[in-house]
Amino acid sequence: MKNIIQNINKAFDHRIRLGIMSILMVNESADFNMLKELLGVTDGNLASHTKALETENYIMIEKQFIGKKPNTRYIATKEGKKAFREHIEALEKLIQKS
């Protein structure tokens, strides 16, 4: 029998990373303040989780200035979208087996 949790992706284990990817799957991009507000997390917490997803090449981080204010924008990569869809499918299969 195939291990039913083998396709669950460890990169999405944490609820904040799951939330970041969920937001980026339905939006072309999201900036730092949008993610922070929607997820209700601190600056440092959000920064560490976005860095973890960037390290996996699941998101791209773009830094720019809007006027004189810095703006950080996050975009899910093709690889990230594929990995997240596979993760969600694995969770759905796990739930159906229960």
PDB file of N, CA and C in Angstrom:
ATOM      1  N   MET A   1       0.846  -1.187   0.000  1.00  0.00           N
ATOM      2  CA  MET A   1       0.000   0.000   0.000  1.00  0.00           C
ATOM      3  C   MET A   1       0.890   1.248   0.000  1.00  0.00           C
ATOM      4  N   LYS A   2       0.553   2.180  -0.835  1.00  0.00           N
ATOM      5  CA  LYS A   2       1.300   3.425  -0.949  1.00  0.00           C
ATOM      6  C   LYS A   2       1.100   4.277   0.300  1.00  0.00           C
ATOM      7  N   ASN A   3       2.165   4.900   0.765  1.00  0.00           N
ATOM      8  CA  ASN A   3       2.094   5.786   1.921  1.00  0.00           C
ATOM      9  C   ASN A   3       1.217   6.994   1.567  1.00  0.00           C
ATOM     10  N   ILE A   4       0.115   7.173   2.275  1.00  0.00           N
ATOM     11  CA  ILE A   4      -0.855   8.208   1.900  1.00  0.00           C
ATOM     12  C   ILE A   4      -0.394   9.623   2.228  1.00  0.00           C
ATOM     13  N   ILE A   5       0.679   9.759   2.988  1.00  0.00           N
ATOM     14  CA  ILE A   5       1.154  11.112   3.292  1.00  0.00           C
ATOM     15  C   ILE A   5       2.433  11.478   2.540  1.00  0.00           C
ATOM     16  N   GLN A   6       2.882  10.635   1.624  1.00  0.00           N
ATOM     17  CA  GLN A   6       4.156  10.885   0.953  1.00  0.00           C
ATOM     18  C   GLN A   6       4.142  12.149   0.100  1.00  0.00           C
ATOM     19  N   ASN A   7       3.010  12.572  -0.419  1.00  0.00           N
ATOM     20  CA  ASN A   7       2.957  13.769  -1.263  1.00  0.00           C
ATOM     21  C   ASN A   7       2.628  15.040  -0.486  1.00  0.00           C
ATOM     22  N   ILE A   8       2.527  14.938   0.830  1.00  0.00           N
ATOM     23  CA  ILE A   8       2.322  16.142   1.635  1.00  0.00           C
ATOM     24  C   ILE A   8       3.669  16.845   1.735  1.00  0.00           C
ATOM     25  N   ASN A   9       3.696  18.091   1.315  1.00  0.00           N
ATOM     26  CA  ASN A   9       4.937  18.850   1.196  1.00  0.00           C
ATOM     27  C   ASN A   9       5.291  19.520   2.513  1.00  0.00           C
ATOM     28  N   LYS A  10       6.450  19.199   3.047  1.00  0.00           N
ATOM     29  CA  LYS A  10       6.916  19.745   4.322  1.00  0.00           C
ATOM     30  C   LYS A  10       7.023  21.267   4.293  1.00  0.00           C
ATOM     31  N   ALA A  11       7.281  21.850   3.126  1.00  0.00           N
ATOM     32  CA  ALA A  11       7.404  23.311   3.014  1.00  0.00           C
ATOM     33  C   ALA A  11       6.095  24.013   3.368  1.00  0.00           C
ATOM     34  N   PHE A  12       4.980  23.298   3.270  1.00  0.00           N
ATOM     35  CA  PHE A  12       3.674  23.894   3.566  1.00  0.00           C
ATOM     36  C   PHE A  12       3.106  23.424   4.902  1.00  0.00           C
ATOM     37  N   ASP A  13       3.929  22.809   5.724  1.00  0.00           N
ATOM     38  CA  ASP A  13       3.487  22.314   7.030  1.00  0.00           C
ATOM     39  C   ASP A  13       2.984  23.425   7.946  1.00  0.00           C
ATOM     40  N   HIS A  14       3.629  24.557   7.903  1.00  0.00           N
ATOM     41  CA  HIS A  14       3.269  25.639   8.820  1.00  0.00           C
ATOM     42  C   HIS A  14       2.083  26.433   8.291  1.00  0.00           C
ATOM     43  N   ARG A  15       1.191  26.817   9.179  1.00  0.00           N
ATOM     44  CA  ARG A  15      -0.038  27.513   8.773  1.00  0.00           C
ATOM     45  C   ARG A  15       0.242  28.839   8.082  1.00  0.00           C
ATOM     46  N   ILE A  16       1.328  29.522   8.438  1.00  0.00           N
ATOM     47  CA  ILE A  16       1.634  30.800   7.791  1.00  0.00           C
ATOM     48  C   ILE A  16       2.075  30.576   6.347  1.00  0.00           C
ATOM     49  N   ARG A  17       2.913  29.563   6.115  1.00  0.00           N
ATOM     50  CA  ARG A  17       3.326  29.262   4.736  1.00  0.00           C
ATOM     51  C   ARG A  17       2.144  28.766   3.913  1.00  0.00           C
ATOM     52  N   LEU A  18       1.274  28.001   4.532  1.00  0.00           N
ATOM     53  CA  LEU A  18       0.052  27.549   3.870  1.00  0.00           C
ATOM     54  C   LEU A  18      -0.805  28.761   3.492  1.00  0.00           C
ATOM     55  N   GLY A  19      -0.908  29.714   4.397  1.00  0.00           N
ATOM     56  CA  GLY A  19      -1.667  30.932   4.139  1.00  0.00           C
ATOM     57  C   GLY A  19      -1.059  31.784   3.046  1.00  0.00           C
ATOM     58  N   ILE A  20       0.253  31.943   3.066  1.00  0.00           N
ATOM     59  CA  ILE A  20       0.938  32.737   2.033  1.00  0.00           C
ATOM     60  C   ILE A  20       0.655  32.144   0.664  1.00  0.00           C
ATOM     61  N   MET A  21       0.844  30.841   0.530  1.00  0.00           N
ATOM     62  CA  MET A  21       0.630  30.193  -0.763  1.00  0.00           C
ATOM     63  C   MET A  21      -0.832  30.248  -1.179  1.00  0.00           C
ATOM     64  N   SER A  22      -1.747  30.105  -0.236  1.00  0.00           N
ATOM     65  CA  SER A  22      -3.177  30.177  -0.562  1.00  0.00           C
ATOM     66  C   SER A  22      -3.512  31.545  -1.140  1.00  0.00           C
ATOM     67  N   ILE A  23      -2.980  32.589  -0.534  1.00  0.00           N
ATOM     68  CA  ILE A  23      -3.229  33.956  -1.015  1.00  0.00           C
ATOM     69  C   ILE A  23      -2.623  34.147  -2.402  1.00  0.00           C
ATOM     70  N   LEU A  24      -1.404  33.643  -2.588  1.00  0.00           N
ATOM     71  CA  LEU A  24      -0.735  33.833  -3.878  1.00  0.00           C
ATOM     72  C   LEU A  24      -1.317  32.967  -4.991  1.00  0.00           C
ATOM     73  N   MET A  25      -2.017  31.916  -4.642  1.00  0.00           N
ATOM     74  CA  MET A  25      -2.657  31.086  -5.664  1.00  0.00           C
ATOM     75  C   MET A  25      -3.868  31.786  -6.286  1.00  0.00           C
ATOM     76  N   VAL A  26      -4.493  32.675  -5.540  1.00  0.00           N
ATOM     77  CA  VAL A  26      -5.705  33.343  -6.054  1.00  0.00           C
ATOM     78  C   VAL A  26      -5.473  34.814  -6.398  1.00  0.00           C
ATOM     79  N   ASN A  27      -4.263  35.296  -6.178  1.00  0.00           N
ATOM     80  CA  ASN A  27      -3.890  36.664  -6.529  1.00  0.00           C
ATOM     81  C   ASN A  27      -2.616  36.621  -7.358  1.00  0.00           C
ATOM     82  N   GLU A  28      -2.510  37.494  -8.327  1.00  0.00           N
ATOM     83  CA  GLU A  28      -1.305  37.551  -9.154  1.00  0.00           C
ATOM     84  C   GLU A  28      -0.078  37.814  -8.289  1.00  0.00           C
ATOM     85  N   SER A  29      -0.257  38.678  -7.297  1.00  0.00           N
ATOM     86  CA  SER A  29       0.819  38.991  -6.359  1.00  0.00           C
ATOM     87  C   SER A  29       0.197  39.556  -5.087  1.00  0.00           C
ATOM     88  N   ALA A  30       1.025  39.691  -4.066  1.00  0.00           N
ATOM     89  CA  ALA A  30       0.590  40.314  -2.812  1.00  0.00           C
ATOM     90  C   ALA A  30       1.787  41.036  -2.225  1.00  0.00           C
ATOM     91  N   ASP A  31       1.544  42.203  -1.653  1.00  0.00           N
ATOM     92  CA  ASP A  31       2.670  42.893  -1.031  1.00  0.00           C
ATOM     93  C   ASP A  31       2.750  42.526   0.450  1.00  0.00           C
ATOM     94  N   PHE A  32       3.830  42.956   1.070  1.00  0.00           N
ATOM     95  CA  PHE A  32       4.114  42.603   2.459  1.00  0.00           C
ATOM     96  C   PHE A  32       2.955  42.972   3.376  1.00  0.00           C
ATOM     97  N   ASN A  33       2.454  44.204   3.249  1.00  0.00           N
ATOM     98  CA  ASN A  33       1.387  44.659   4.141  1.00  0.00           C
ATOM     99  C   ASN A  33       0.094  43.876   3.946  1.00  0.00           C
ATOM    100  N   MET A  34      -0.196  43.515   2.710  1.00  0.00           N
ATOM    101  CA  MET A  34      -1.402  42.721   2.437  1.00  0.00           C
ATOM    102  C   MET A  34      -1.305  41.358   3.125  1.00  0.00           C
ATOM    103  N   LEU A  35      -0.164  40.685   2.958  1.00  0.00           N
ATOM    104  CA  LEU A  35       0.019  39.376   3.595  1.00  0.00           C
ATOM    105  C   LEU A  35      -0.020  39.494   5.114  1.00  0.00           C
ATOM    106  N   LYS A  36       0.653  40.500   5.628  1.00  0.00           N
ATOM    107  CA  LYS A  36       0.702  40.706   7.079  1.00  0.00           C
ATOM    108  C   LYS A  36      -0.701  40.906   7.644  1.00  0.00           C
ATOM    109  N   GLU A  37      -1.489  41.722   6.967  1.00  0.00           N
ATOM    110  CA  GLU A  37      -2.852  42.004   7.441  1.00  0.00           C
ATOM    111  C   GLU A  37      -3.758  40.782   7.323  1.00  0.00           C
ATOM    112  N   LEU A  38      -3.727  40.116   6.178  1.00  0.00           N
ATOM    113  CA  LEU A  38      -4.597  38.948   5.975  1.00  0.00           C
ATOM    114  C   LEU A  38      -4.255  37.794   6.912  1.00  0.00           C
ATOM    115  N   LEU A  39      -2.972  37.624   7.193  1.00  0.00           N
ATOM    116  CA  LEU A  39      -2.542  36.499   8.018  1.00  0.00           C
ATOM    117  C   LEU A  39      -2.444  36.835   9.503  1.00  0.00           C
ATOM    118  N   GLY A  40      -2.427  38.125   9.831  1.00  0.00           N
ATOM    119  CA  GLY A  40      -2.348  38.533  11.235  1.00  0.00           C
ATOM    120  C   GLY A  40      -1.042  38.118  11.898  1.00  0.00           C
ATOM    121  N   VAL A  41       0.073  38.353  11.222  1.00  0.00           N
ATOM    122  CA  VAL A  41       1.382  37.955  11.734  1.00  0.00           C
ATOM    123  C   VAL A  41       2.293  39.164  11.907  1.00  0.00           C
ATOM    124  N   THR A  42       3.390  38.961  12.619  1.00  0.00           N
ATOM    125  CA  THR A  42       4.364  40.031  12.816  1.00  0.00           C
ATOM    126  C   THR A  42       5.271  40.146  11.587  1.00  0.00           C
ATOM    127  N   ASP A  43       5.965  41.271  11.496  1.00  0.00           N
ATOM    128  CA  ASP A  43       6.900  41.488  10.390  1.00  0.00           C
ATOM    129  C   ASP A  43       7.944  40.370  10.320  1.00  0.00           C
ATOM    130  N   GLY A  44       8.555  40.075  11.452  1.00  0.00           N
ATOM    131  CA  GLY A  44       9.613  39.067  11.493  1.00  0.00           C
ATOM    132  C   GLY A  44       9.121  37.679  11.138  1.00  0.00           C
ATOM    133  N   ASN A  45       7.944  37.344  11.624  1.00  0.00           N
ATOM    134  CA  ASN A  45       7.356  36.035  11.342  1.00  0.00           C
ATOM    135  C   ASN A  45       7.084  35.895   9.849  1.00  0.00           C
ATOM    136  N   LEU A  46       6.485  36.923   9.259  1.00  0.00           N
ATOM    137  CA  LEU A  46       6.189  36.880   7.828  1.00  0.00           C
ATOM    138  C   LEU A  46       7.477  36.815   7.022  1.00  0.00           C
ATOM    139  N   ALA A  47       8.462  37.601   7.397  1.00  0.00           N
ATOM    140  CA  ALA A  47       9.738  37.617   6.668  1.00  0.00           C
ATOM    141  C   ALA A  47      10.411  36.243   6.686  1.00  0.00           C
ATOM    142  N   SER A  48      10.397  35.568   7.833  1.00  0.00           N
ATOM    143  CA  SER A  48      11.062  34.258   7.904  1.00  0.00           C
ATOM    144  C   SER A  48      10.335  33.208   7.074  1.00  0.00           C
ATOM    145  N   HIS A  49       9.016  33.260   7.042  1.00  0.00           N
ATOM    146  CA  HIS A  49       8.262  32.267   6.264  1.00  0.00           C
ATOM    147  C   HIS A  49       8.333  32.544   4.763  1.00  0.00           C
ATOM    148  N   THR A  50       8.346  33.809   4.367  1.00  0.00           N
ATOM    149  CA  THR A  50       8.501  34.099   2.937  1.00  0.00           C
ATOM    150  C   THR A  50       9.899  33.709   2.475  1.00  0.00           C
ATOM    151  N   LYS A  51      10.890  33.898   3.330  1.00  0.00           N
ATOM    152  CA  LYS A  51      12.264  33.497   2.993  1.00  0.00           C
ATOM    153  C   LYS A  51      12.339  31.980   2.806  1.00  0.00           C
ATOM    154  N   ALA A  52      11.662  31.235   3.669  1.00  0.00           N
ATOM    155  CA  ALA A  52      11.647  29.772   3.543  1.00  0.00           C
ATOM    156  C   ALA A  52      11.033  29.344   2.214  1.00  0.00           C
ATOM    157  N   LEU A  53       9.950  29.991   1.812  1.00  0.00           N
ATOM    158  CA  LEU A  53       9.313  29.653   0.532  1.00  0.00           C
ATOM    159  C   LEU A  53      10.172  30.091  -0.649  1.00  0.00           C
ATOM    160  N   GLU A  54      10.865  31.212  -0.504  1.00  0.00           N
ATOM    161  CA  GLU A  54      11.766  31.666  -1.565  1.00  0.00           C
ATOM    162  C   GLU A  54      12.929  30.686  -1.731  1.00  0.00           C
ATOM    163  N   THR A  55      13.456  30.182  -0.630  1.00  0.00           N
ATOM    164  CA  THR A  55      14.558  29.222  -0.662  1.00  0.00           C
ATOM    165  C   THR A  55      14.168  27.965  -1.435  1.00  0.00           C
ATOM    166  N   GLU A  56      12.905  27.561  -1.321  1.00  0.00           N
ATOM    167  CA  GLU A  56      12.391  26.386  -2.047  1.00  0.00           C
ATOM    168  C   GLU A  56      12.058  26.715  -3.505  1.00  0.00           C
ATOM    169  N   ASN A  57      12.202  27.980  -3.892  1.00  0.00           N
ATOM    170  CA  ASN A  57      11.839  28.481  -5.225  1.00  0.00           C
ATOM    171  C   ASN A  57      10.330  28.386  -5.473  1.00  0.00           C
ATOM    172  N   TYR A  58       9.545  28.529  -4.412  1.00  0.00           N
ATOM    173  CA  TYR A  58       8.091  28.493  -4.529  1.00  0.00           C
ATOM    174  C   TYR A  58       7.498  29.884  -4.690  1.00  0.00           C
ATOM    175  N   ILE A  59       8.233  30.907  -4.269  1.00  0.00           N
ATOM    176  CA  ILE A  59       7.791  32.283  -4.484  1.00  0.00           C
ATOM    177  C   ILE A  59       8.971  33.128  -4.942  1.00  0.00           C
ATOM    178  N   MET A  60       8.650  34.222  -5.646  1.00  0.00           N
ATOM    179  CA  MET A  60       9.642  35.236  -6.010  1.00  0.00           C
ATOM    180  C   MET A  60       9.365  36.461  -5.157  1.00  0.00           C
ATOM    181  N   ILE A  61      10.438  37.116  -4.750  1.00  0.00           N
ATOM    182  CA  ILE A  61      10.302  38.341  -3.972  1.00  0.00           C
ATOM    183  C   ILE A  61      10.859  39.485  -4.798  1.00  0.00           C
ATOM    184  N   GLU A  62      10.026  40.500  -5.014  1.00  0.00           N
ATOM    185  CA  GLU A  62      10.448  41.685  -5.762  1.00  0.00           C
ATOM    186  C   GLU A  62      10.421  42.882  -4.830  1.00  0.00           C
ATOM    187  N   LYS A  63      11.537  43.583  -4.775  1.00  0.00           N
ATOM    188  CA  LYS A  63      11.617  44.788  -3.947  1.00  0.00           C
ATOM    189  C   LYS A  63      11.728  45.986  -4.866  1.00  0.00           C
ATOM    190  N   GLN A  64      10.940  47.004  -4.562  1.00  0.00           N
ATOM    191  CA  GLN A  64      10.948  48.222  -5.371  1.00  0.00           C
ATOM    192  C   GLN A  64      10.566  49.403  -4.488  1.00  0.00           C
ATOM    193  N   PHE A  65      10.616  50.584  -5.057  1.00  0.00           N
ATOM    194  CA  PHE A  65      10.155  51.774  -4.354  1.00  0.00           C
ATOM    195  C   PHE A  65       8.928  52.305  -5.067  1.00  0.00           C
ATOM    196  N   ILE A  66       7.927  52.670  -4.290  1.00  0.00           N
ATOM    197  CA  ILE A  66       6.752  53.367  -4.808  1.00  0.00           C
ATOM    198  C   ILE A  66       6.843  54.756  -4.202  1.00  0.00           C
ATOM    199  N   GLY A  67       7.200  55.714  -5.053  1.00  0.00           N
ATOM    200  CA  GLY A  67       7.543  57.025  -4.535  1.00  0.00           C
ATOM    201  C   GLY A  67       8.833  56.871  -3.753  1.00  0.00           C
ATOM    202  N   LYS A  68       8.811  57.238  -2.499  1.00  0.00           N
ATOM    203  CA  LYS A  68       9.995  57.084  -1.652  1.00  0.00           C
ATOM    204  C   LYS A  68       9.849  55.939  -0.662  1.00  0.00           C
ATOM    205  N   LYS A  69       8.744  55.203  -0.768  1.00  0.00           N
ATOM    206  CA  LYS A  69       8.501  54.106   0.171  1.00  0.00           C
ATOM    207  C   LYS A  69       8.895  52.765  -0.438  1.00  0.00           C
ATOM    208  N   PRO A  70       9.607  51.949   0.349  1.00  0.00           N
ATOM    209  CA  PRO A  70       9.945  50.608  -0.148  1.00  0.00           C
ATOM    210  C   PRO A  70       8.690  49.733  -0.208  1.00  0.00           C
ATOM    211  N   ASN A  71       8.651  48.858  -1.195  1.00  0.00           N
ATOM    212  CA  ASN A  71       7.516  47.943  -1.351  1.00  0.00           C
ATOM    213  C   ASN A  71       8.068  46.569  -1.710  1.00  0.00           C
ATOM    214  N   THR A  72       7.645  45.563  -0.975  1.00  0.00           N
ATOM    215  CA  THR A  72       8.047  44.180  -1.244  1.00  0.00           C
ATOM    216  C   THR A  72       6.822  43.425  -1.728  1.00  0.00           C
ATOM    217  N   ARG A  73       6.974  42.796  -2.884  1.00  0.00           N
ATOM    218  CA  ARG A  73       5.870  42.084  -3.514  1.00  0.00           C
ATOM    219  C   ARG A  73       6.265  40.624  -3.684  1.00  0.00           C
ATOM    220  N   TYR A  74       5.292  39.750  -3.485  1.00  0.00           N
ATOM    221  CA  TYR A  74       5.510  38.306  -3.564  1.00  0.00           C
ATOM    222  C   TYR A  74       4.659  37.723  -4.678  1.00  0.00           C
ATOM    223  N   ILE A  75       5.257  36.791  -5.419  1.00  0.00           N
ATOM    224  CA  ILE A  75       4.581  36.142  -6.545  1.00  0.00           C
ATOM    225  C   ILE A  75       4.880  34.648  -6.471  1.00  0.00           C
ATOM    226  N   ALA A  76       3.854  33.821  -6.623  1.00  0.00           N
ATOM    227  CA  ALA A  76       4.076  32.369  -6.650  1.00  0.00           C
ATOM    228  C   ALA A  76       4.723  31.994  -7.985  1.00  0.00           C
ATOM    229  N   THR A  77       5.757  31.159  -7.936  1.00  0.00           N
ATOM    230  CA  THR A  77       6.405  30.678  -9.154  1.00  0.00           C
ATOM    231  C   THR A  77       5.578  29.524  -9.739  1.00  0.00           C
ATOM    232  N   LYS A  78       5.875  29.156 -10.983  1.00  0.00           N
ATOM    233  CA  LYS A  78       5.205  27.997 -11.592  1.00  0.00           C
ATOM    234  C   LYS A  78       5.471  26.746 -10.760  1.00  0.00           C
ATOM    235  N   GLU A  79       6.724  26.608 -10.333  1.00  0.00           N
ATOM    236  CA  GLU A  79       7.104  25.460  -9.496  1.00  0.00           C
ATOM    237  C   GLU A  79       6.335  25.469  -8.175  1.00  0.00           C
ATOM    238  N   GLY A  80       6.183  26.654  -7.588  1.00  0.00           N
ATOM    239  CA  GLY A  80       5.453  26.792  -6.332  1.00  0.00           C
ATOM    240  C   GLY A  80       3.982  26.455  -6.493  1.00  0.00           C
ATOM    241  N   LYS A  81       3.384  26.926  -7.575  1.00  0.00           N
ATOM    242  CA  LYS A  81       1.964  26.635  -7.828  1.00  0.00           C
ATOM    243  C   LYS A  81       1.742  25.137  -8.022  1.00  0.00           C
ATOM    244  N   LYS A  82       2.643  24.503  -8.761  1.00  0.00           N
ATOM    245  CA  LYS A  82       2.530  23.056  -8.995  1.00  0.00           C
ATOM    246  C   LYS A  82       2.679  22.296  -7.679  1.00  0.00           C
ATOM    247  N   ALA A  83       3.682  22.654  -6.893  1.00  0.00           N
ATOM    248  CA  ALA A  83       3.916  21.974  -5.612  1.00  0.00           C
ATOM    249  C   ALA A  83       2.736  22.168  -4.666  1.00  0.00           C
ATOM    250  N   PHE A  84       2.162  23.366  -4.668  1.00  0.00           N
ATOM    251  CA  PHE A  84       1.039  23.641  -3.773  1.00  0.00           C
ATOM    252  C   PHE A  84      -0.205  22.858  -4.206  1.00  0.00           C
ATOM    253  N   ARG A  85      -0.460  22.806  -5.512  1.00  0.00           N
ATOM    254  CA  ARG A  85      -1.606  22.007  -6.004  1.00  0.00           C
ATOM    255  C   ARG A  85      -1.436  20.541  -5.617  1.00  0.00           C
ATOM    256  N   GLU A  86      -0.224  20.005  -5.772  1.00  0.00           N
ATOM    257  CA  GLU A  86       0.033  18.608  -5.409  1.00  0.00           C
ATOM    258  C   GLU A  86      -0.155  18.398  -3.907  1.00  0.00           C
ATOM    259  N   HIS A  87       0.248  19.373  -3.110  1.00  0.00           N
ATOM    260  CA  HIS A  87       0.071  19.302  -1.656  1.00  0.00           C
ATOM    261  C   HIS A  87      -1.416  19.255  -1.299  1.00  0.00           C
ATOM    262  N   ILE A  88      -2.194  20.139  -1.898  1.00  0.00           N
ATOM    263  CA  ILE A  88      -3.641  20.184  -1.629  1.00  0.00           C
ATOM    264  C   ILE A  88      -4.307  18.884  -2.075  1.00  0.00           C
ATOM    265  N   GLU A  89      -3.909  18.372  -3.233  1.00  0.00           N
ATOM    266  CA  GLU A  89      -4.456  17.093  -3.709  1.00  0.00           C
ATOM    267  C   GLU A  89      -4.131  15.964  -2.734  1.00  0.00           C
ATOM    268  N   ALA A  90      -2.914  15.956  -2.197  1.00  0.00           N
ATOM    269  CA  ALA A  90      -2.517  14.930  -1.226  1.00  0.00           C
ATOM    270  C   ALA A  90      -3.363  15.040   0.040  1.00  0.00           C
ATOM    271  N   LEU A  91      -3.612  16.269   0.497  1.00  0.00           N
ATOM    272  CA  LEU A  91      -4.459  16.464   1.678  1.00  0.00           C
ATOM    273  C   LEU A  91      -5.884  15.983   1.415  1.00  0.00           C
ATOM    274  N   GLU A  92      -6.399  16.282   0.230  1.00  0.00           N
ATOM    275  CA  GLU A  92      -7.755  15.835  -0.118  1.00  0.00           C
ATOM    276  C   GLU A  92      -7.840  14.314  -0.132  1.00  0.00           C
ATOM    277  N   LYS A  93      -6.818  13.664  -0.688  1.00  0.00           N
ATOM    278  CA  LYS A  93      -6.803  12.192  -0.713  1.00  0.00           C
ATOM    279  C   LYS A  93      -6.742  11.628   0.698  1.00  0.00           C
ATOM    280  N   LEU A  94      -5.956  12.276   1.555  1.00  0.00           N
ATOM    281  CA  LEU A  94      -5.836  11.842   2.947  1.00  0.00           C
ATOM    282  C   LEU A  94      -7.191  11.948   3.647  1.00  0.00           C
ATOM    283  N   ILE A  95      -7.886  13.030   3.426  1.00  0.00           N
ATOM    284  CA  ILE A  95      -9.200  13.229   4.046  1.00  0.00           C
ATOM    285  C   ILE A  95     -10.201  12.190   3.532  1.00  0.00           C
ATOM    286  N   GLN A  96     -10.158  11.899   2.240  1.00  0.00           N
ATOM    287  CA  GLN A  96     -11.074  10.923   1.657  1.00  0.00           C
ATOM    288  C   GLN A  96     -10.818   9.521   2.184  1.00  0.00           C
ATOM    289  N   LYS A  97      -9.567   9.215   2.549  1.00  0.00           N
ATOM    290  CA  LYS A  97      -9.223   7.893   3.087  1.00  0.00           C
ATOM    291  C   LYS A  97      -9.696   7.717   4.529  1.00  0.00           C
ATOM    292  N   SER A  98      -9.884   8.838   5.218  1.00  0.00           N
ATOM    293  CA  SER A  98     -10.253   8.777   6.646  1.00  0.00           C
ATOM    294  C   SER A  98     -11.685   8.371   6.842  1.00  0.00           C
TER     295      SER A  98
END
